[in-house]
Amino acid sequence: MAQITSGVRSILSTPAVYDFVQNLLGAKRGRRDFVAEFVKPTVGQRVLDIGCGTAEILPFLPCVDYEGFDISAEYINAARARHGERGKFHCRLFTDEDAGSVAPADIVLAVGLLHHLDDIEASTFIELAKRALKPGGRLVTLDPCYDSAQTAAARYLVSKDRGQNVRDAARYEQLTTAHFEVVQCAVRHRRWIPYTHCAMVATNLPASTSVDA
């Protein structure tokens, strides 16, 4: 997992600072819009959130069966303190064993994860996410991206992200279509604080279903 955690970026490892900076950049509104447009959860669904951080997306979800994984003990402790019994939180990587043992999910979330992974790591994760999904379940991702239509300011801010594998939308999609037959990809440009994100929704088709059917 490639990310920069030294210098000024090191303070983002502190949950309170990380959330403050995220909200300053408009993350609260961004989470609400992302959930409404792409996640589209319904009451009672099972949601796995991989790289959940402090689980700040949880307040924007209805009453779901939520389980979050993150490798940062600080983030997980903050998530447990803030959200209590609303979810289960695990301080560890989401592994092959987890993909085979957790209850199958309606939705696997990976918000701000893929751009921290190189191509091999990202491909491995996408396959694990598919294994963890119910038939018809969806992997929903959101990451910073490069785009020909983004402003110079947005490109500069994206380039300063801690994650060292920011891609364009076509590359995120290419990595995902190697594992999923149905992938929807969208680029969104934020204007108040210039930034560009790529959102993807990949559907785990039932075995008897094909895109040609």
N, C-alpha and C. Protein backbone atom coordinates (compact mmCIF):
# COMPACT_ATOMS: atom_id res chain seq x y z
N MET A 1 0.85 -1.18 0.00
CA MET A 1 0.00 0.00 0.00
C MET A 1 0.89 1.23 0.00
N ALA A 2 0.78 2.04 -1.06
CA ALA A 2 1.67 3.19 -1.22
C ALA A 2 0.96 4.47 -0.81
N GLN A 3 1.45 5.10 0.26
CA GLN A 3 0.94 6.40 0.64
C GLN A 3 2.02 7.16 1.38
N ILE A 4 1.91 8.49 1.35
CA ILE A 4 2.86 9.35 2.05
C ILE A 4 2.27 9.71 3.41
N THR A 5 3.01 9.38 4.47
CA THR A 5 2.53 9.68 5.83
C THR A 5 3.55 10.50 6.61
N SER A 6 4.46 11.14 5.89
CA SER A 6 5.47 11.96 6.55
C SER A 6 5.16 13.43 6.31
N GLY A 7 5.92 14.30 6.99
CA GLY A 7 5.75 15.73 6.82
C GLY A 7 4.37 16.19 7.23
N VAL A 8 3.82 17.17 6.51
CA VAL A 8 2.52 17.73 6.84
C VAL A 8 1.43 16.66 6.78
N ARG A 9 1.57 15.71 5.84
CA ARG A 9 0.54 14.68 5.70
C ARG A 9 0.44 13.78 6.93
N SER A 10 1.47 13.75 7.76
CA SER A 10 1.45 12.86 8.92
C SER A 10 0.34 13.21 9.90
N ILE A 11 -0.06 14.49 9.96
CA ILE A 11 -1.10 14.88 10.91
C ILE A 11 -2.45 14.30 10.52
N LEU A 12 -2.61 13.88 9.25
CA LEU A 12 -3.88 13.28 8.82
C LEU A 12 -4.08 11.89 9.40
N SER A 13 -3.04 11.34 10.03
CA SER A 13 -3.19 10.05 10.70
C SER A 13 -3.93 10.19 12.02
N THR A 14 -4.12 11.42 12.49
CA THR A 14 -4.91 11.69 13.69
C THR A 14 -6.37 11.83 13.31
N PRO A 15 -7.26 11.00 13.85
CA PRO A 15 -8.65 11.00 13.40
C PRO A 15 -9.32 12.36 13.41
N ALA A 16 -9.17 13.13 14.50
CA ALA A 16 -9.85 14.41 14.59
C ALA A 16 -9.36 15.38 13.51
N VAL A 17 -8.06 15.38 13.26
CA VAL A 17 -7.50 16.25 12.23
C VAL A 17 -7.95 15.81 10.84
N TYR A 18 -7.91 14.49 10.62
CA TYR A 18 -8.33 13.95 9.33
C TYR A 18 -9.78 14.34 9.02
N ASP A 19 -10.67 14.15 9.98
CA ASP A 19 -12.08 14.47 9.76
C ASP A 19 -12.29 15.96 9.58
N PHE A 20 -11.55 16.78 10.35
CA PHE A 20 -11.67 18.23 10.21
C PHE A 20 -11.27 18.68 8.80
N VAL A 21 -10.14 18.18 8.32
CA VAL A 21 -9.68 18.54 6.98
C VAL A 21 -10.67 18.06 5.92
N GLN A 22 -11.15 16.82 6.08
CA GLN A 22 -12.13 16.28 5.13
C GLN A 22 -13.38 17.15 5.07
N ASN A 23 -13.90 17.53 6.23
CA ASN A 23 -15.11 18.34 6.26
C ASN A 23 -14.86 19.75 5.74
N LEU A 24 -13.67 20.28 5.99
CA LEU A 24 -13.30 21.58 5.45
C LEU A 24 -13.33 21.56 3.92
N LEU A 25 -12.96 20.42 3.36
CA LEU A 25 -12.93 20.26 1.91
C LEU A 25 -14.29 19.86 1.33
N GLY A 26 -15.31 19.86 2.17
CA GLY A 26 -16.65 19.56 1.67
C GLY A 26 -17.03 18.11 1.70
N ALA A 27 -16.32 17.30 2.52
CA ALA A 27 -16.57 15.85 2.51
C ALA A 27 -17.96 15.49 3.02
N LYS A 28 -18.50 16.27 3.95
CA LYS A 28 -19.82 15.91 4.50
C LYS A 28 -20.88 15.95 3.41
N ARG A 29 -20.91 17.03 2.65
CA ARG A 29 -21.85 17.10 1.53
C ARG A 29 -21.52 16.06 0.48
N GLY A 30 -20.22 15.85 0.25
CA GLY A 30 -19.80 14.87 -0.74
C GLY A 30 -20.26 13.46 -0.37
N ARG A 31 -20.17 13.10 0.92
CA ARG A 31 -20.63 11.78 1.35
C ARG A 31 -22.13 11.61 1.12
N ARG A 32 -22.88 12.65 1.47
CA ARG A 32 -24.34 12.58 1.29
C ARG A 32 -24.69 12.38 -0.19
N ASP A 33 -24.05 13.15 -1.06
CA ASP A 33 -24.33 13.04 -2.49
C ASP A 33 -23.88 11.69 -3.04
N PHE A 34 -22.72 11.21 -2.58
CA PHE A 34 -22.19 9.92 -3.03
C PHE A 34 -23.14 8.79 -2.66
N VAL A 35 -23.63 8.81 -1.43
CA VAL A 35 -24.55 7.77 -0.98
C VAL A 35 -25.84 7.82 -1.80
N ALA A 36 -26.37 9.02 -2.03
CA ALA A 36 -27.63 9.15 -2.74
C ALA A 36 -27.51 8.74 -4.21
N GLU A 37 -26.39 9.10 -4.84
CA GLU A 37 -26.26 8.85 -6.28
C GLU A 37 -25.73 7.47 -6.62
N PHE A 38 -24.83 6.95 -5.79
CA PHE A 38 -24.13 5.72 -6.17
C PHE A 38 -24.38 4.53 -5.22
N VAL A 39 -24.36 4.77 -3.93
CA VAL A 39 -24.50 3.66 -2.98
C VAL A 39 -25.94 3.17 -2.94
N LYS A 40 -26.87 4.07 -2.79
CA LYS A 40 -28.30 3.77 -2.81
C LYS A 40 -28.67 2.60 -1.88
N PRO A 41 -28.30 2.70 -0.62
CA PRO A 41 -28.59 1.59 0.31
C PRO A 41 -30.05 1.59 0.73
N THR A 42 -30.54 0.44 1.14
CA THR A 42 -31.88 0.34 1.70
C THR A 42 -31.81 -0.30 3.08
N VAL A 43 -32.84 -0.07 3.85
CA VAL A 43 -32.88 -0.56 5.23
C VAL A 43 -32.70 -2.08 5.25
N GLY A 44 -31.82 -2.54 6.16
CA GLY A 44 -31.61 -3.95 6.36
C GLY A 44 -30.53 -4.58 5.51
N GLN A 45 -30.00 -3.82 4.54
CA GLN A 45 -28.95 -4.40 3.70
C GLN A 45 -27.66 -4.58 4.51
N ARG A 46 -26.85 -5.52 4.03
CA ARG A 46 -25.55 -5.77 4.66
C ARG A 46 -24.50 -4.99 3.89
N VAL A 47 -23.71 -4.18 4.64
CA VAL A 47 -22.71 -3.31 4.04
C VAL A 47 -21.35 -3.60 4.66
N LEU A 48 -20.38 -3.93 3.82
CA LEU A 48 -18.99 -4.03 4.24
C LEU A 48 -18.26 -2.78 3.77
N ASP A 49 -17.56 -2.11 4.67
CA ASP A 49 -16.83 -0.89 4.34
C ASP A 49 -15.34 -1.17 4.55
N ILE A 50 -14.61 -1.29 3.44
CA ILE A 50 -13.20 -1.66 3.49
C ILE A 50 -12.35 -0.40 3.40
N GLY A 51 -11.48 -0.21 4.40
CA GLY A 51 -10.77 1.05 4.51
C GLY A 51 -11.72 2.11 5.05
N CYS A 52 -12.46 1.74 6.09
CA CYS A 52 -13.57 2.57 6.55
C CYS A 52 -13.14 3.85 7.24
N GLY A 53 -11.86 3.94 7.65
CA GLY A 53 -11.42 5.12 8.38
C GLY A 53 -12.20 5.27 9.67
N THR A 54 -12.73 6.47 9.92
CA THR A 54 -13.52 6.72 11.12
C THR A 54 -15.00 6.45 10.90
N ALA A 55 -15.34 5.82 9.77
CA ALA A 55 -16.73 5.44 9.43
C ALA A 55 -17.65 6.65 9.36
N GLU A 56 -17.13 7.76 8.84
CA GLU A 56 -17.95 8.97 8.77
C GLU A 56 -19.05 8.87 7.73
N ILE A 57 -19.05 7.81 6.93
CA ILE A 57 -20.16 7.61 5.99
C ILE A 57 -21.38 7.02 6.69
N LEU A 58 -21.19 6.44 7.85
CA LEU A 58 -22.27 5.72 8.55
C LEU A 58 -23.48 6.59 8.84
N PRO A 59 -23.34 7.85 9.26
CA PRO A 59 -24.52 8.67 9.52
C PRO A 59 -25.38 8.91 8.28
N PHE A 60 -24.84 8.68 7.10
CA PHE A 60 -25.59 8.92 5.87
C PHE A 60 -26.26 7.64 5.35
N LEU A 61 -26.08 6.55 6.08
CA LEU A 61 -26.70 5.28 5.70
C LEU A 61 -27.95 5.05 6.53
N PRO A 62 -28.96 4.35 5.98
CA PRO A 62 -30.11 3.97 6.80
C PRO A 62 -29.71 2.88 7.79
N CYS A 63 -30.66 2.26 8.42
CA CYS A 63 -30.38 1.19 9.38
C CYS A 63 -29.94 -0.05 8.60
N VAL A 64 -28.62 -0.26 8.54
CA VAL A 64 -28.05 -1.38 7.80
C VAL A 64 -27.18 -2.22 8.72
N ASP A 65 -26.85 -3.40 8.27
CA ASP A 65 -25.91 -4.28 8.97
C ASP A 65 -24.51 -3.91 8.49
N TYR A 66 -23.84 -3.04 9.25
CA TYR A 66 -22.59 -2.41 8.82
C TYR A 66 -21.39 -3.05 9.49
N GLU A 67 -20.37 -3.34 8.69
CA GLU A 67 -19.12 -3.89 9.23
C GLU A 67 -17.96 -3.19 8.53
N GLY A 68 -17.06 -2.59 9.32
CA GLY A 68 -15.96 -1.82 8.75
C GLY A 68 -14.60 -2.41 9.09
N PHE A 69 -13.68 -2.30 8.13
CA PHE A 69 -12.30 -2.76 8.31
C PHE A 69 -11.35 -1.60 8.00
N ASP A 70 -10.33 -1.44 8.85
CA ASP A 70 -9.28 -0.45 8.59
C ASP A 70 -8.02 -0.87 9.34
N ILE A 71 -6.87 -0.55 8.78
CA ILE A 71 -5.61 -0.95 9.42
C ILE A 71 -5.14 0.05 10.47
N SER A 72 -5.82 1.20 10.58
CA SER A 72 -5.41 2.21 11.56
C SER A 72 -6.17 2.01 12.86
N ALA A 73 -5.43 1.71 13.93
CA ALA A 73 -6.05 1.55 15.24
C ALA A 73 -6.70 2.85 15.70
N GLU A 74 -6.06 3.98 15.38
CA GLU A 74 -6.61 5.28 15.78
C GLU A 74 -7.97 5.51 15.12
N TYR A 75 -8.06 5.21 13.83
CA TYR A 75 -9.32 5.41 13.12
C TYR A 75 -10.40 4.48 13.66
N ILE A 76 -10.05 3.22 13.87
CA ILE A 76 -11.04 2.25 14.34
C ILE A 76 -11.51 2.61 15.75
N ASN A 77 -10.61 3.01 16.61
CA ASN A 77 -11.02 3.42 17.96
C ASN A 77 -11.97 4.61 17.89
N ALA A 78 -11.68 5.55 17.00
CA ALA A 78 -12.56 6.71 16.85
C ALA A 78 -13.92 6.29 16.32
N ALA A 79 -13.94 5.34 15.37
CA ALA A 79 -15.21 4.86 14.82
C ALA A 79 -16.05 4.19 15.90
N ARG A 80 -15.41 3.37 16.73
CA ARG A 80 -16.15 2.70 17.81
C ARG A 80 -16.71 3.71 18.80
N ALA A 81 -15.90 4.73 19.12
CA ALA A 81 -16.35 5.73 20.09
C ALA A 81 -17.51 6.56 19.55
N ARG A 82 -17.48 6.86 18.27
CA ARG A 82 -18.50 7.75 17.69
C ARG A 82 -19.79 7.01 17.34
N HIS A 83 -19.66 5.78 16.87
CA HIS A 83 -20.83 5.11 16.29
C HIS A 83 -21.35 3.96 17.12
N GLY A 84 -20.61 3.56 18.15
CA GLY A 84 -21.09 2.57 19.09
C GLY A 84 -21.61 1.30 18.43
N GLU A 85 -22.86 0.98 18.73
CA GLU A 85 -23.46 -0.27 18.28
C GLU A 85 -24.01 -0.20 16.86
N ARG A 86 -23.84 0.90 16.19
CA ARG A 86 -24.36 1.00 14.83
C ARG A 86 -23.59 0.11 13.86
N GLY A 87 -22.40 -0.33 14.24
CA GLY A 87 -21.63 -1.18 13.35
C GLY A 87 -20.61 -2.00 14.11
N LYS A 88 -19.99 -2.94 13.39
CA LYS A 88 -18.87 -3.71 13.91
C LYS A 88 -17.62 -3.20 13.22
N PHE A 89 -16.53 -3.05 13.98
CA PHE A 89 -15.31 -2.46 13.44
C PHE A 89 -14.11 -3.35 13.74
N HIS A 90 -13.29 -3.57 12.72
CA HIS A 90 -12.14 -4.46 12.83
C HIS A 90 -10.87 -3.71 12.43
N CYS A 91 -9.86 -3.78 13.29
CA CYS A 91 -8.58 -3.15 13.00
C CYS A 91 -7.66 -4.18 12.34
N ARG A 92 -7.84 -4.37 11.06
CA ARG A 92 -6.98 -5.29 10.31
C ARG A 92 -7.28 -5.16 8.82
N LEU A 93 -6.41 -5.73 8.02
CA LEU A 93 -6.65 -5.82 6.59
C LEU A 93 -7.85 -6.73 6.33
N PHE A 94 -8.56 -6.46 5.25
CA PHE A 94 -9.59 -7.37 4.78
C PHE A 94 -8.89 -8.41 3.91
N THR A 95 -8.93 -9.67 4.34
CA THR A 95 -8.10 -10.70 3.73
C THR A 95 -8.95 -11.72 2.96
N ASP A 96 -8.24 -12.64 2.33
CA ASP A 96 -8.90 -13.74 1.63
C ASP A 96 -9.76 -14.55 2.59
N GLU A 97 -9.26 -14.74 3.79
CA GLU A 97 -10.03 -15.48 4.80
C GLU A 97 -11.32 -14.75 5.14
N ASP A 98 -11.24 -13.42 5.28
CA ASP A 98 -12.44 -12.63 5.58
C ASP A 98 -13.46 -12.74 4.45
N ALA A 99 -12.98 -12.65 3.21
CA ALA A 99 -13.88 -12.70 2.06
C ALA A 99 -14.66 -14.01 2.03
N GLY A 100 -14.04 -15.08 2.53
CA GLY A 100 -14.69 -16.37 2.52
C GLY A 100 -15.51 -16.67 3.75
N SER A 101 -15.35 -15.86 4.81
CA SER A 101 -16.00 -16.20 6.07
C SER A 101 -17.08 -15.21 6.51
N VAL A 102 -17.00 -13.96 6.09
CA VAL A 102 -18.02 -13.00 6.50
C VAL A 102 -19.33 -13.31 5.79
N ALA A 103 -20.42 -12.86 6.39
CA ALA A 103 -21.72 -13.01 5.74
C ALA A 103 -21.72 -12.21 4.44
N PRO A 104 -22.21 -12.79 3.36
CA PRO A 104 -22.18 -12.09 2.07
C PRO A 104 -22.88 -10.73 2.14
N ALA A 105 -22.34 -9.77 1.42
CA ALA A 105 -22.81 -8.38 1.52
C ALA A 105 -23.64 -7.99 0.31
N ASP A 106 -24.58 -7.09 0.55
CA ASP A 106 -25.30 -6.45 -0.54
C ASP A 106 -24.44 -5.37 -1.19
N ILE A 107 -23.63 -4.71 -0.35
CA ILE A 107 -22.78 -3.61 -0.82
C ILE A 107 -21.42 -3.73 -0.16
N VAL A 108 -20.36 -3.65 -0.97
CA VAL A 108 -19.01 -3.46 -0.46
C VAL A 108 -18.58 -2.05 -0.82
N LEU A 109 -18.25 -1.26 0.19
CA LEU A 109 -17.78 0.10 -0.02
C LEU A 109 -16.26 0.14 0.02
N ALA A 110 -15.68 0.92 -0.88
CA ALA A 110 -14.23 1.19 -0.83
C ALA A 110 -14.07 2.67 -1.17
N VAL A 111 -14.19 3.49 -0.15
CA VAL A 111 -14.13 4.94 -0.34
C VAL A 111 -12.71 5.42 -0.06
N GLY A 112 -12.05 5.91 -1.09
CA GLY A 112 -10.69 6.40 -0.92
C GLY A 112 -9.68 5.30 -0.69
N LEU A 113 -9.91 4.14 -1.27
CA LEU A 113 -9.01 3.00 -1.05
C LEU A 113 -8.13 2.69 -2.26
N LEU A 114 -8.72 2.60 -3.44
CA LEU A 114 -7.98 2.09 -4.60
C LEU A 114 -6.75 2.93 -4.95
N HIS A 115 -6.81 4.22 -4.69
CA HIS A 115 -5.67 5.06 -5.05
C HIS A 115 -4.49 4.91 -4.08
N HIS A 116 -4.69 4.12 -3.02
CA HIS A 116 -3.59 3.75 -2.13
C HIS A 116 -2.96 2.42 -2.52
N LEU A 117 -3.54 1.73 -3.50
CA LEU A 117 -3.09 0.40 -3.89
C LEU A 117 -2.47 0.42 -5.28
N ASP A 118 -1.36 -0.31 -5.46
CA ASP A 118 -0.83 -0.45 -6.81
C ASP A 118 -1.74 -1.38 -7.61
N ASP A 119 -1.44 -1.58 -8.89
CA ASP A 119 -2.35 -2.33 -9.74
C ASP A 119 -2.57 -3.76 -9.25
N ILE A 120 -1.50 -4.41 -8.80
CA ILE A 120 -1.63 -5.79 -8.32
C ILE A 120 -2.48 -5.84 -7.05
N GLU A 121 -2.21 -4.92 -6.11
CA GLU A 121 -2.98 -4.87 -4.87
C GLU A 121 -4.44 -4.54 -5.15
N ALA A 122 -4.67 -3.59 -6.06
CA ALA A 122 -6.04 -3.20 -6.39
C ALA A 122 -6.80 -4.35 -7.02
N SER A 123 -6.14 -5.07 -7.94
CA SER A 123 -6.78 -6.21 -8.59
C SER A 123 -7.13 -7.29 -7.56
N THR A 124 -6.21 -7.54 -6.64
CA THR A 124 -6.46 -8.53 -5.58
C THR A 124 -7.65 -8.11 -4.72
N PHE A 125 -7.68 -6.83 -4.34
CA PHE A 125 -8.79 -6.35 -3.52
C PHE A 125 -10.12 -6.47 -4.26
N ILE A 126 -10.16 -6.08 -5.51
CA ILE A 126 -11.42 -6.12 -6.27
C ILE A 126 -11.97 -7.54 -6.34
N GLU A 127 -11.07 -8.52 -6.52
CA GLU A 127 -11.51 -9.91 -6.55
C GLU A 127 -12.02 -10.35 -5.17
N LEU A 128 -11.35 -9.91 -4.09
CA LEU A 128 -11.84 -10.23 -2.74
C LEU A 128 -13.21 -9.62 -2.51
N ALA A 129 -13.39 -8.38 -2.96
CA ALA A 129 -14.69 -7.72 -2.79
C ALA A 129 -15.79 -8.49 -3.52
N LYS A 130 -15.48 -8.95 -4.73
CA LYS A 130 -16.47 -9.73 -5.48
C LYS A 130 -16.85 -11.00 -4.73
N ARG A 131 -15.86 -11.67 -4.15
CA ARG A 131 -16.13 -12.90 -3.39
C ARG A 131 -17.01 -12.64 -2.18
N ALA A 132 -16.92 -11.44 -1.63
CA ALA A 132 -17.67 -11.11 -0.42
C ALA A 132 -19.10 -10.66 -0.71
N LEU A 133 -19.44 -10.50 -1.98
CA LEU A 133 -20.76 -10.00 -2.36
C LEU A 133 -21.77 -11.12 -2.58
N LYS A 134 -23.02 -10.82 -2.28
CA LYS A 134 -24.11 -11.68 -2.70
C LYS A 134 -24.25 -11.60 -4.23
N PRO A 135 -24.86 -12.60 -4.85
CA PRO A 135 -25.24 -12.44 -6.26
C PRO A 135 -26.13 -11.20 -6.41
N GLY A 136 -25.79 -10.35 -7.35
CA GLY A 136 -26.52 -9.10 -7.50
C GLY A 136 -26.01 -7.97 -6.63
N GLY A 137 -25.06 -8.26 -5.72
CA GLY A 137 -24.48 -7.24 -4.86
C GLY A 137 -23.57 -6.32 -5.65
N ARG A 138 -23.20 -5.20 -5.00
CA ARG A 138 -22.44 -4.17 -5.72
C ARG A 138 -21.20 -3.74 -4.94
N LEU A 139 -20.10 -3.59 -5.65
CA LEU A 139 -18.91 -2.91 -5.14
C LEU A 139 -19.01 -1.45 -5.56
N VAL A 140 -18.93 -0.55 -4.58
CA VAL A 140 -19.05 0.89 -4.86
C VAL A 140 -17.78 1.58 -4.36
N THR A 141 -17.10 2.26 -5.26
CA THR A 141 -15.82 2.88 -4.92
C THR A 141 -15.85 4.38 -5.20
N LEU A 142 -14.96 5.09 -4.54
CA LEU A 142 -14.78 6.52 -4.79
C LEU A 142 -13.33 6.86 -4.54
N ASP A 143 -12.68 7.47 -5.54
CA ASP A 143 -11.27 7.82 -5.44
C ASP A 143 -10.98 9.11 -6.20
N PRO A 144 -9.95 9.85 -5.78
CA PRO A 144 -9.51 10.98 -6.59
C PRO A 144 -9.01 10.48 -7.94
N CYS A 145 -9.15 11.31 -8.95
CA CYS A 145 -8.70 10.88 -10.28
C CYS A 145 -8.19 12.07 -11.08
N TYR A 146 -7.46 11.74 -12.11
CA TYR A 146 -7.05 12.73 -13.10
C TYR A 146 -8.06 12.71 -14.25
N ASP A 147 -8.31 13.88 -14.82
CA ASP A 147 -9.28 13.97 -15.91
C ASP A 147 -8.93 15.16 -16.79
N SER A 148 -9.13 15.00 -18.08
CA SER A 148 -8.76 16.05 -19.02
C SER A 148 -9.57 17.33 -18.82
N ALA A 149 -10.74 17.20 -18.19
CA ALA A 149 -11.61 18.36 -18.00
C ALA A 149 -11.40 19.06 -16.66
N GLN A 150 -10.53 18.51 -15.80
CA GLN A 150 -10.36 19.12 -14.48
C GLN A 150 -9.50 20.38 -14.58
N THR A 151 -9.69 21.27 -13.62
CA THR A 151 -8.91 22.50 -13.60
C THR A 151 -7.48 22.22 -13.15
N ALA A 152 -6.61 23.17 -13.42
CA ALA A 152 -5.22 23.02 -12.98
C ALA A 152 -5.14 22.92 -11.46
N ALA A 153 -6.00 23.68 -10.77
CA ALA A 153 -6.01 23.64 -9.31
C ALA A 153 -6.44 22.27 -8.80
N ALA A 154 -7.46 21.70 -9.43
CA ALA A 154 -7.92 20.37 -9.02
C ALA A 154 -6.84 19.33 -9.27
N ARG A 155 -6.19 19.41 -10.41
CA ARG A 155 -5.12 18.45 -10.71
C ARG A 155 -3.99 18.57 -9.70
N TYR A 156 -3.66 19.78 -9.31
CA TYR A 156 -2.59 19.98 -8.33
C TYR A 156 -2.98 19.37 -6.98
N LEU A 157 -4.20 19.65 -6.51
CA LEU A 157 -4.62 19.12 -5.21
C LEU A 157 -4.69 17.59 -5.24
N VAL A 158 -5.19 17.03 -6.33
CA VAL A 158 -5.23 15.58 -6.44
C VAL A 158 -3.82 14.99 -6.39
N SER A 159 -2.88 15.67 -7.01
CA SER A 159 -1.49 15.17 -7.04
C SER A 159 -0.85 15.16 -5.66
N LYS A 160 -1.40 15.92 -4.72
CA LYS A 160 -0.85 16.00 -3.37
C LYS A 160 -1.52 15.04 -2.40
N ASP A 161 -2.40 14.19 -2.90
CA ASP A 161 -3.05 13.20 -2.04
C ASP A 161 -2.01 12.27 -1.43
N ARG A 162 -2.32 11.73 -0.24
CA ARG A 162 -1.40 10.77 0.39
C ARG A 162 -1.25 9.50 -0.43
N GLY A 163 -2.31 9.10 -1.13
CA GLY A 163 -2.25 7.90 -1.97
C GLY A 163 -1.37 8.14 -3.19
N GLN A 164 -0.52 7.20 -3.51
CA GLN A 164 0.46 7.36 -4.58
C GLN A 164 0.08 6.63 -5.87
N ASN A 165 -1.20 6.22 -5.96
CA ASN A 165 -1.64 5.51 -7.16
C ASN A 165 -2.94 6.10 -7.71
N VAL A 166 -3.00 7.42 -7.73
CA VAL A 166 -4.15 8.08 -8.34
C VAL A 166 -4.12 7.81 -9.85
N ARG A 167 -5.27 7.44 -10.42
CA ARG A 167 -5.36 7.07 -11.82
C ARG A 167 -6.42 7.93 -12.51
N ASP A 168 -6.53 7.78 -13.83
CA ASP A 168 -7.68 8.37 -14.50
C ASP A 168 -8.83 7.36 -14.44
N ALA A 169 -10.03 7.80 -14.79
CA ALA A 169 -11.21 6.95 -14.66
C ALA A 169 -11.10 5.70 -15.51
N ALA A 170 -10.51 5.83 -16.69
CA ALA A 170 -10.40 4.67 -17.59
C ALA A 170 -9.57 3.56 -16.96
N ARG A 171 -8.53 3.94 -16.21
CA ARG A 171 -7.68 2.92 -15.59
C ARG A 171 -8.37 2.25 -14.40
N TYR A 172 -9.08 3.05 -13.58
CA TYR A 172 -9.87 2.44 -12.50
C TYR A 172 -10.87 1.45 -13.09
N GLU A 173 -11.53 1.85 -14.15
CA GLU A 173 -12.53 0.99 -14.78
C GLU A 173 -11.90 -0.26 -15.37
N GLN A 174 -10.74 -0.10 -16.00
CA GLN A 174 -10.05 -1.25 -16.59
C GLN A 174 -9.70 -2.28 -15.53
N LEU A 175 -9.21 -1.83 -14.40
CA LEU A 175 -8.87 -2.76 -13.31
C LEU A 175 -10.11 -3.51 -12.82
N THR A 176 -11.25 -2.85 -12.82
CA THR A 176 -12.46 -3.44 -12.27
C THR A 176 -13.14 -4.38 -13.25
N THR A 177 -13.14 -4.02 -14.53
CA THR A 177 -13.79 -4.88 -15.53
C THR A 177 -13.04 -6.20 -15.74
N ALA A 178 -11.84 -6.31 -15.22
CA ALA A 178 -11.15 -7.61 -15.24
C ALA A 178 -11.82 -8.62 -14.32
N HIS A 179 -12.69 -8.14 -13.42
CA HIS A 179 -13.33 -9.01 -12.44
C HIS A 179 -14.86 -8.96 -12.49
N PHE A 180 -15.40 -7.85 -12.92
CA PHE A 180 -16.85 -7.66 -12.98
C PHE A 180 -17.27 -7.41 -14.43
N GLU A 181 -18.41 -8.01 -14.83
CA GLU A 181 -18.90 -7.81 -16.18
C GLU A 181 -19.60 -6.46 -16.35
N VAL A 182 -20.24 -5.99 -15.29
CA VAL A 182 -21.02 -4.75 -15.36
C VAL A 182 -20.38 -3.72 -14.44
N VAL A 183 -19.81 -2.67 -15.03
CA VAL A 183 -19.16 -1.61 -14.27
C VAL A 183 -19.64 -0.26 -14.80
N GLN A 184 -20.15 0.56 -13.91
CA GLN A 184 -20.53 1.93 -14.26
C GLN A 184 -19.53 2.87 -13.62
N CYS A 185 -19.05 3.81 -14.39
CA CYS A 185 -17.98 4.71 -13.93
C CYS A 185 -18.40 6.15 -14.21
N ALA A 186 -18.19 7.04 -13.25
CA ALA A 186 -18.57 8.44 -13.41
C ALA A 186 -17.52 9.34 -12.78
N VAL A 187 -17.25 10.46 -13.42
CA VAL A 187 -16.31 11.45 -12.90
C VAL A 187 -17.11 12.65 -12.42
N ARG A 188 -16.78 13.13 -11.24
CA ARG A 188 -17.44 14.29 -10.67
C ARG A 188 -16.40 15.34 -10.29
N HIS A 189 -16.68 16.58 -10.66
CA HIS A 189 -15.78 17.70 -10.37
C HIS A 189 -16.40 18.56 -9.27
N ARG A 190 -15.64 18.80 -8.23
CA ARG A 190 -16.08 19.64 -7.13
C ARG A 190 -15.58 21.06 -7.38
N ARG A 191 -16.41 22.05 -7.12
CA ARG A 191 -16.06 23.42 -7.51
C ARG A 191 -15.61 24.30 -6.34
N TRP A 192 -16.22 24.15 -5.16
CA TRP A 192 -15.86 25.05 -4.07
C TRP A 192 -14.38 24.89 -3.72
N ILE A 193 -13.98 23.70 -3.34
CA ILE A 193 -12.57 23.35 -3.25
C ILE A 193 -12.31 22.46 -4.46
N PRO A 194 -11.59 22.95 -5.47
CA PRO A 194 -11.46 22.19 -6.72
C PRO A 194 -10.84 20.81 -6.51
N TYR A 195 -11.58 19.80 -6.92
CA TYR A 195 -11.13 18.41 -6.75
C TYR A 195 -11.91 17.55 -7.72
N THR A 196 -11.36 16.40 -8.07
CA THR A 196 -12.01 15.50 -9.02
C THR A 196 -12.02 14.09 -8.47
N HIS A 197 -13.20 13.46 -8.53
CA HIS A 197 -13.35 12.09 -8.06
C HIS A 197 -13.90 11.18 -9.16
N CYS A 198 -13.55 9.91 -9.04
CA CYS A 198 -14.12 8.87 -9.89
C CYS A 198 -14.92 7.93 -9.00
N ALA A 199 -16.19 7.76 -9.32
CA ALA A 199 -17.05 6.81 -8.62
C ALA A 199 -17.33 5.63 -9.55
N MET A 200 -17.32 4.43 -8.99
CA MET A 200 -17.63 3.23 -9.76
C MET A 200 -18.64 2.38 -9.01
N VAL A 201 -19.50 1.75 -9.78
CA VAL A 201 -20.43 0.75 -9.25
C VAL A 201 -20.27 -0.50 -10.09
N ALA A 202 -19.81 -1.58 -9.47
CA ALA A 202 -19.58 -2.85 -10.15
C ALA A 202 -20.55 -3.88 -9.58
N THR A 203 -21.32 -4.51 -10.46
CA THR A 203 -22.37 -5.44 -10.03
C THR A 203 -21.92 -6.88 -10.20
N ASN A 204 -22.11 -7.65 -9.14
CA ASN A 204 -21.78 -9.07 -9.15
C ASN A 204 -22.95 -9.86 -9.72
N LEU A 205 -22.93 -10.11 -11.01
CA LEU A 205 -24.04 -10.78 -11.66
C LEU A 205 -24.20 -12.21 -11.15
N PRO A 206 -25.45 -12.65 -10.97
CA PRO A 206 -25.66 -14.07 -10.63
C PRO A 206 -25.04 -14.97 -11.70
N ALA A 207 -24.66 -16.18 -11.32
CA ALA A 207 -23.96 -17.09 -12.22
C ALA A 207 -24.74 -17.38 -13.49
N SER A 208 -26.07 -17.37 -13.40
CA SER A 208 -26.89 -17.70 -14.56
C SER A 208 -27.16 -16.51 -15.46
N THR A 209 -26.63 -15.35 -15.07
CA THR A 209 -26.88 -14.12 -15.82
C THR A 209 -25.64 -13.73 -16.60
N SER A 210 -25.80 -13.23 -17.80
CA SER A 210 -24.69 -12.69 -18.57
C SER A 210 -25.13 -11.37 -19.18
N VAL A 211 -24.15 -10.56 -19.57
CA VAL A 211 -24.47 -9.25 -20.14
C VAL A 211 -25.15 -9.40 -21.49
N ASP A 212 -25.08 -10.57 -22.10
CA ASP A 212 -25.70 -10.79 -23.40
C ASP A 212 -27.11 -11.35 -23.29
N ALA A 213 -27.49 -11.72 -22.04
CA ALA A 213 -28.79 -12.37 -21.87
C ALA A 213 -29.93 -11.39 -22.13
